[in-house]
Amino acid sequence: MDSLKRRIRQEGRNLGHGILKIDSVINHQVDATLMLEAGAEFARSFADGHPTRILTAEVSGIIPAMATAYAMGLPLVYARKHKPVTMTDPVFVEFAPSHTKGGEVSLMVSPEFLHAEDRVLIIDDFLATGNTIDAMARIVESAGATLVGIGALVEKSFEGGREALSCLDVPIVSLVIIDEMRDDGTIIFAE
């Protein structure tokens, strides 16, 4: 997606250790127009999978997932990192190491919002190591639902997430793929 790639070139900052700061686009401030464009692109890419529900992880995945849910006319469910008092047991819970949080995070979804008959499309902001997305895929499996695809705004191919998720045997669509983030701050995009 050229418009997203352009914004990353203009405003993205390579913070080192594989961390890309795009706070002016998605992680702190949101470019709603750009996210609606991304959602429409995901909707086109995954229409043939006939999803019935979109799943993401809080917090930064919510915006692109909501844009996709809007474009497809589907409900959005997000995995919570902290269990609120309104979420009653039992819950689907999985754990994943977080690159940006520097530790392990829990992801929880209420069975009230994820059912065995669902066809689930996972949308997230980044595909890096694939750990968070894999945890969400395990939640889908625990629910007895069917995973139909994975979408990411930005993929950092050098972290191996796509390969780690290949065993899921579903389409993976990344709107922008970064092949390398150099020590001098340079960001190299896939062609």
C-alpha atoms as a PDB file:
ATOM      1  CA  MET A   1       0.000   0.000   0.000  1.00  0.00           C
ATOM      2  CA  ASP A   2       1.888   3.000  -1.308  1.00  0.00           C
ATOM      3  CA  SER A   3       0.228   5.578   0.938  1.00  0.00           C
ATOM      4  CA  LEU A   4       1.247   3.671   4.077  1.00  0.00           C
ATOM      5  CA  LYS A   5       4.763   3.115   2.762  1.00  0.00           C
ATOM      6  CA  ARG A   6       5.023   6.847   2.027  1.00  0.00           C
ATOM      7  CA  ARG A   7       3.973   7.742   5.592  1.00  0.00           C
ATOM      8  CA  ILE A   8       6.513   5.320   7.051  1.00  0.00           C
ATOM      9  CA  ARG A   9       9.241   6.899   4.895  1.00  0.00           C
ATOM     10  CA  GLN A  10       8.219  10.400   6.008  1.00  0.00           C
ATOM     11  CA  GLU A  11       7.437   9.844   9.682  1.00  0.00           C
ATOM     12  CA  GLY A  12       8.627   6.393  10.747  1.00  0.00           C
ATOM     13  CA  ARG A  13      11.593   6.134  13.051  1.00  0.00           C
ATOM     14  CA  ASN A  14      13.840   3.115  13.396  1.00  0.00           C
ATOM     15  CA  LEU A  15      14.492   2.939  17.152  1.00  0.00           C
ATOM     16  CA  GLY A  16      16.870   0.001  16.808  1.00  0.00           C
ATOM     17  CA  HIS A  17      16.429  -3.617  17.880  1.00  0.00           C
ATOM     18  CA  GLY A  18      13.728  -4.072  15.208  1.00  0.00           C
ATOM     19  CA  ILE A  19      11.383  -1.454  16.690  1.00  0.00           C
ATOM     20  CA  LEU A  20       9.663   0.877  14.229  1.00  0.00           C
ATOM     21  CA  LYS A  21       7.954   3.938  15.680  1.00  0.00           C
ATOM     22  CA  ILE A  22       4.948   5.027  13.624  1.00  0.00           C
ATOM     23  CA  ASP A  23       3.115   6.828  16.412  1.00  0.00           C
ATOM     24  CA  SER A  24       1.798   9.557  14.105  1.00  0.00           C
ATOM     25  CA  VAL A  25      -0.022   6.960  11.996  1.00  0.00           C
ATOM     26  CA  ILE A  26      -1.358   4.262  14.334  1.00  0.00           C
ATOM     27  CA  ASN A  27       0.232   3.815  17.745  1.00  0.00           C
ATOM     28  CA  HIS A  28      -0.530   7.151  19.434  1.00  0.00           C
ATOM     29  CA  GLN A  29      -2.174   9.386  16.878  1.00  0.00           C
ATOM     30  CA  VAL A  30      -4.380   7.754  14.256  1.00  0.00           C
ATOM     31  CA  ASP A  31      -4.661   8.723  10.612  1.00  0.00           C
ATOM     32  CA  ALA A  32      -8.291   7.660  10.216  1.00  0.00           C
ATOM     33  CA  THR A  33      -8.366   8.127   6.447  1.00  0.00           C
ATOM     34  CA  LEU A  34      -5.286   5.962   5.987  1.00  0.00           C
ATOM     35  CA  MET A  35      -6.699   3.287   8.316  1.00  0.00           C
ATOM     36  CA  LEU A  36     -10.023   3.224   6.435  1.00  0.00           C
ATOM     37  CA  GLU A  37      -8.032   2.761   3.219  1.00  0.00           C
ATOM     38  CA  ALA A  38      -6.125  -0.107   4.869  1.00  0.00           C
ATOM     39  CA  GLY A  39      -9.389  -1.679   6.054  1.00  0.00           C
ATOM     40  CA  ALA A  40     -10.816  -1.529   2.526  1.00  0.00           C
ATOM     41  CA  GLU A  41      -7.652  -3.199   1.198  1.00  0.00           C
ATOM     42  CA  PHE A  42      -7.900  -6.004   3.753  1.00  0.00           C
ATOM     43  CA  ALA A  43     -11.612  -6.418   2.932  1.00  0.00           C
ATOM     44  CA  ARG A  44     -10.752  -6.875  -0.761  1.00  0.00           C
ATOM     45  CA  SER A  45      -7.905  -9.263   0.033  1.00  0.00           C
ATOM     46  CA  PHE A  46      -9.912 -11.534   2.336  1.00  0.00           C
ATOM     47  CA  ALA A  47     -13.409 -11.409   0.806  1.00  0.00           C
ATOM     48  CA  ASP A  48     -13.077 -14.930  -0.632  1.00  0.00           C
ATOM     49  CA  GLY A  49     -12.447 -16.363   2.850  1.00  0.00           C
ATOM     50  CA  HIS A  50     -15.951 -15.307   3.927  1.00  0.00           C
ATOM     51  CA  PRO A  51     -15.003 -14.330   7.479  1.00  0.00           C
ATOM     52  CA  THR A  52     -17.767 -13.848  10.037  1.00  0.00           C
ATOM     53  CA  ARG A  53     -15.674 -12.101  12.677  1.00  0.00           C
ATOM     54  CA  ILE A  54     -12.477 -10.036  12.946  1.00  0.00           C
ATOM     55  CA  LEU A  55     -10.062 -10.712  15.833  1.00  0.00           C
ATOM     56  CA  THR A  56      -7.183  -8.541  17.028  1.00  0.00           C
ATOM     57  CA  ALA A  57      -5.196  -7.746  20.172  1.00  0.00           C
ATOM     58  CA  GLU A  58      -5.466  -4.544  22.125  1.00  0.00           C
ATOM     59  CA  VAL A  59      -4.314  -1.812  21.720  1.00  0.00           C
ATOM     60  CA  SER A  60      -2.706  -0.917  18.388  1.00  0.00           C
ATOM     61  CA  GLY A  61      -4.410  -3.684  16.432  1.00  0.00           C
ATOM     62  CA  ILE A  62      -7.853  -2.298  17.192  1.00  0.00           C
ATOM     63  CA  ILE A  63      -7.761   0.566  14.684  1.00  0.00           C
ATOM     64  CA  PRO A  64      -6.857  -1.414  11.511  1.00  0.00           C
ATOM     65  CA  ALA A  65      -9.110  -4.267  12.653  1.00  0.00           C
ATOM     66  CA  MET A  66     -12.026  -1.887  13.179  1.00  0.00           C
ATOM     67  CA  ALA A  67     -11.490  -0.361   9.746  1.00  0.00           C
ATOM     68  CA  THR A  68     -11.529  -3.871   8.261  1.00  0.00           C
ATOM     69  CA  ALA A  69     -14.616  -4.859  10.246  1.00  0.00           C
ATOM     70  CA  TYR A  70     -16.354  -1.696   9.044  1.00  0.00           C
ATOM     71  CA  ALA A  71     -15.411  -2.372   5.410  1.00  0.00           C
ATOM     72  CA  MET A  72     -16.678  -5.972   5.665  1.00  0.00           C
ATOM     73  CA  GLY A  73     -19.728  -5.279   7.836  1.00  0.00           C
ATOM     74  CA  LEU A  74     -18.501  -7.697  10.522  1.00  0.00           C
ATOM     75  CA  PRO A  75     -18.160  -7.624  14.302  1.00  0.00           C
ATOM     76  CA  LEU A  76     -14.744  -6.960  15.784  1.00  0.00           C
ATOM     77  CA  VAL A  77     -13.486  -8.829  18.838  1.00  0.00           C
ATOM     78  CA  TYR A  78     -10.274  -7.841  20.527  1.00  0.00           C
ATOM     79  CA  ALA A  79      -8.221  -9.941  22.893  1.00  0.00           C
ATOM     80  CA  ARG A  80      -7.879  -8.156  26.209  1.00  0.00           C
ATOM     81  CA  LYS A  81      -4.524  -7.970  27.978  1.00  0.00           C
ATOM     82  CA  HIS A  82      -6.097  -7.446  31.399  1.00  0.00           C
ATOM     83  CA  LYS A  83      -9.242  -9.167  32.563  1.00  0.00           C
ATOM     84  CA  PRO A  84     -11.982  -6.678  33.486  1.00  0.00           C
ATOM     85  CA  VAL A  85     -14.544  -7.525  36.151  1.00  0.00           C
ATOM     86  CA  THR A  86     -17.161  -7.715  33.397  1.00  0.00           C
ATOM     87  CA  MET A  87     -15.398 -10.697  31.787  1.00  0.00           C
ATOM     88  CA  THR A  88     -16.590 -13.795  33.580  1.00  0.00           C
ATOM     89  CA  ASP A  89     -14.906 -17.189  33.567  1.00  0.00           C
ATOM     90  CA  PRO A  90     -14.248 -19.267  31.650  1.00  0.00           C
ATOM     91  CA  VAL A  91     -12.238 -17.331  29.076  1.00  0.00           C
ATOM     92  CA  PHE A  92      -9.936 -18.300  26.246  1.00  0.00           C
ATOM     93  CA  VAL A  93      -6.443 -17.209  27.296  1.00  0.00           C
ATOM     94  CA  GLU A  94      -3.042 -17.493  25.645  1.00  0.00           C
ATOM     95  CA  PHE A  95       0.339 -15.893  26.315  1.00  0.00           C
ATOM     96  CA  ALA A  96       2.882 -14.293  24.003  1.00  0.00           C
ATOM     97  CA  PRO A  97       6.191 -12.517  24.456  1.00  0.00           C
ATOM     98  CA  SER A  98       5.904  -8.828  23.539  1.00  0.00           C
ATOM     99  CA  HIS A  99       8.718  -7.200  21.606  1.00  0.00           C
ATOM    100  CA  THR A 100       7.734  -3.655  22.585  1.00  0.00           C
ATOM    101  CA  LYS A 101       6.555  -4.399  26.146  1.00  0.00           C
ATOM    102  CA  GLY A 102       9.708  -6.349  27.018  1.00  0.00           C
ATOM    103  CA  GLY A 103       7.874  -9.249  28.637  1.00  0.00           C
ATOM    104  CA  GLU A 104       5.064 -11.721  28.264  1.00  0.00           C
ATOM    105  CA  VAL A 105       1.486 -10.545  27.765  1.00  0.00           C
ATOM    106  CA  SER A 106      -1.729 -12.449  28.263  1.00  0.00           C
ATOM    107  CA  LEU A 107      -4.484 -12.327  25.655  1.00  0.00           C
ATOM    108  CA  MET A 108      -8.038 -13.133  26.712  1.00  0.00           C
ATOM    109  CA  VAL A 109     -11.273 -13.497  24.757  1.00  0.00           C
ATOM    110  CA  SER A 110     -14.669 -14.286  26.205  1.00  0.00           C
ATOM    111  CA  PRO A 111     -16.426 -17.326  24.672  1.00  0.00           C
ATOM    112  CA  GLU A 112     -19.442 -15.031  24.531  1.00  0.00           C
ATOM    113  CA  PHE A 113     -17.897 -13.382  21.465  1.00  0.00           C
ATOM    114  CA  LEU A 114     -16.055 -16.212  19.704  1.00  0.00           C
ATOM    115  CA  HIS A 115     -17.966 -19.329  18.635  1.00  0.00           C
ATOM    116  CA  ALA A 116     -17.190 -22.645  16.971  1.00  0.00           C
ATOM    117  CA  GLU A 117     -19.154 -21.673  13.833  1.00  0.00           C
ATOM    118  CA  ASP A 118     -17.120 -18.478  13.326  1.00  0.00           C
ATOM    119  CA  ARG A 119     -14.751 -17.943  10.420  1.00  0.00           C
ATOM    120  CA  VAL A 120     -12.117 -15.656  11.910  1.00  0.00           C
ATOM    121  CA  LEU A 121      -9.857 -13.133  10.209  1.00  0.00           C
ATOM    122  CA  ILE A 122      -6.986 -11.877  12.389  1.00  0.00           C
ATOM    123  CA  ILE A 123      -5.873  -8.297  11.722  1.00  0.00           C
ATOM    124  CA  ASP A 124      -2.980  -6.657  13.579  1.00  0.00           C
ATOM    125  CA  ASP A 125      -0.727  -3.634  13.260  1.00  0.00           C
ATOM    126  CA  PHE A 126       2.583  -5.513  12.961  1.00  0.00           C
ATOM    127  CA  LEU A 127       3.733  -8.954  11.901  1.00  0.00           C
ATOM    128  CA  ALA A 128       7.220  -9.365  13.363  1.00  0.00           C
ATOM    129  CA  THR A 129       8.043 -12.643  15.119  1.00  0.00           C
ATOM    130  CA  GLY A 130       4.447 -13.823  14.788  1.00  0.00           C
ATOM    131  CA  ASN A 131       4.117 -14.561  18.520  1.00  0.00           C
ATOM    132  CA  THR A 132       1.068 -12.367  19.188  1.00  0.00           C
ATOM    133  CA  ILE A 133      -0.725 -13.527  16.060  1.00  0.00           C
ATOM    134  CA  ASP A 134       0.087 -17.141  16.891  1.00  0.00           C
ATOM    135  CA  ALA A 135      -1.429 -16.659  20.373  1.00  0.00           C
ATOM    136  CA  MET A 136      -4.609 -15.299  18.749  1.00  0.00           C
ATOM    137  CA  ALA A 137      -4.653 -18.274  16.352  1.00  0.00           C
ATOM    138  CA  ARG A 138      -4.481 -20.594  19.364  1.00  0.00           C
ATOM    139  CA  ILE A 139      -7.485 -18.765  20.854  1.00  0.00           C
ATOM    140  CA  VAL A 140      -9.382 -19.334  17.597  1.00  0.00           C
ATOM    141  CA  GLU A 141      -8.470 -23.016  17.782  1.00  0.00           C
ATOM    142  CA  SER A 142      -9.547 -23.235  21.447  1.00  0.00           C
ATOM    143  CA  ALA A 143     -12.926 -21.822  20.465  1.00  0.00           C
ATOM    144  CA  GLY A 144     -13.280 -24.478  17.766  1.00  0.00           C
ATOM    145  CA  ALA A 145     -13.587 -21.690  15.178  1.00  0.00           C
ATOM    146  CA  THR A 146     -11.933 -21.605  11.758  1.00  0.00           C
ATOM    147  CA  LEU A 147      -9.050 -19.249  11.006  1.00  0.00           C
ATOM    148  CA  VAL A 148      -9.423 -17.933   7.436  1.00  0.00           C
ATOM    149  CA  GLY A 149      -6.618 -15.380   7.170  1.00  0.00           C
ATOM    150  CA  ILE A 150      -4.095 -13.052   8.770  1.00  0.00           C
ATOM    151  CA  GLY A 151      -3.568  -9.401   7.863  1.00  0.00           C
ATOM    152  CA  ALA A 152      -0.925  -6.956   9.101  1.00  0.00           C
ATOM    153  CA  LEU A 153      -0.395  -3.308   8.301  1.00  0.00           C
ATOM    154  CA  VAL A 154       3.385  -3.707   8.471  1.00  0.00           C
ATOM    155  CA  GLU A 155       5.455  -6.869   8.246  1.00  0.00           C
ATOM    156  CA  LYS A 156       9.084  -6.912   9.324  1.00  0.00           C
ATOM    157  CA  SER A 157      10.163  -9.902   7.217  1.00  0.00           C
ATOM    158  CA  PHE A 158      13.603 -10.061   8.828  1.00  0.00           C
ATOM    159  CA  GLU A 159      11.997 -11.205  12.126  1.00  0.00           C
ATOM    160  CA  GLY A 160      10.619 -14.421  10.577  1.00  0.00           C
ATOM    161  CA  GLY A 161       6.959 -14.155  11.572  1.00  0.00           C
ATOM    162  CA  ARG A 162       5.545 -15.239   8.227  1.00  0.00           C
ATOM    163  CA  GLU A 163       7.608 -18.419   8.314  1.00  0.00           C
ATOM    164  CA  ALA A 164       6.604 -19.084  11.936  1.00  0.00           C
ATOM    165  CA  LEU A 165       2.920 -18.771  10.989  1.00  0.00           C
ATOM    166  CA  SER A 166       3.140 -20.793   7.755  1.00  0.00           C
ATOM    167  CA  CYS A 167       2.003 -23.915   9.618  1.00  0.00           C
ATOM    168  CA  LEU A 168      -1.435 -22.263  10.036  1.00  0.00           C
ATOM    169  CA  ASP A 169      -1.971 -22.728   6.290  1.00  0.00           C
ATOM    170  CA  VAL A 170      -4.018 -19.546   5.758  1.00  0.00           C
ATOM    171  CA  PRO A 171      -3.422 -16.517   3.532  1.00  0.00           C
ATOM    172  CA  ILE A 172      -1.180 -13.868   5.092  1.00  0.00           C
ATOM    173  CA  VAL A 173      -1.470 -10.343   3.673  1.00  0.00           C
ATOM    174  CA  SER A 174       0.811  -7.495   4.735  1.00  0.00           C
ATOM    175  CA  LEU A 175       0.131  -4.048   3.318  1.00  0.00           C
ATOM    176  CA  VAL A 176       3.774  -3.013   3.666  1.00  0.00           C
ATOM    177  CA  ILE A 177       6.773  -5.332   4.024  1.00  0.00           C
ATOM    178  CA  ILE A 178      10.054  -4.137   5.484  1.00  0.00           C
ATOM    179  CA  ASP A 179      13.025  -6.316   4.603  1.00  0.00           C
ATOM    180  CA  GLU A 180      15.636  -4.524   6.686  1.00  0.00           C
ATOM    181  CA  MET A 181      16.023  -1.836   9.331  1.00  0.00           C
ATOM    182  CA  ARG A 182      19.649  -0.722   9.354  1.00  0.00           C
ATOM    183  CA  ASP A 183      21.618   0.620  12.298  1.00  0.00           C
ATOM    184  CA  ASP A 184      21.886   4.020  10.579  1.00  0.00           C
ATOM    185  CA  GLY A 185      18.088   4.343  10.721  1.00  0.00           C
ATOM    186  CA  THR A 186      17.474   3.385   7.091  1.00  0.00           C
ATOM    187  CA  ILE A 187      14.319   1.356   6.411  1.00  0.00           C
ATOM    188  CA  ILE A 188      14.442  -0.965   3.383  1.00  0.00           C
ATOM    189  CA  PHE A 189      11.080  -1.992   1.909  1.00  0.00           C
ATOM    190  CA  ALA A 190      10.395  -5.151  -0.091  1.00  0.00           C
ATOM    191  CA  GLU A 191       9.783  -4.494  -3.756  1.00  0.00           C
END
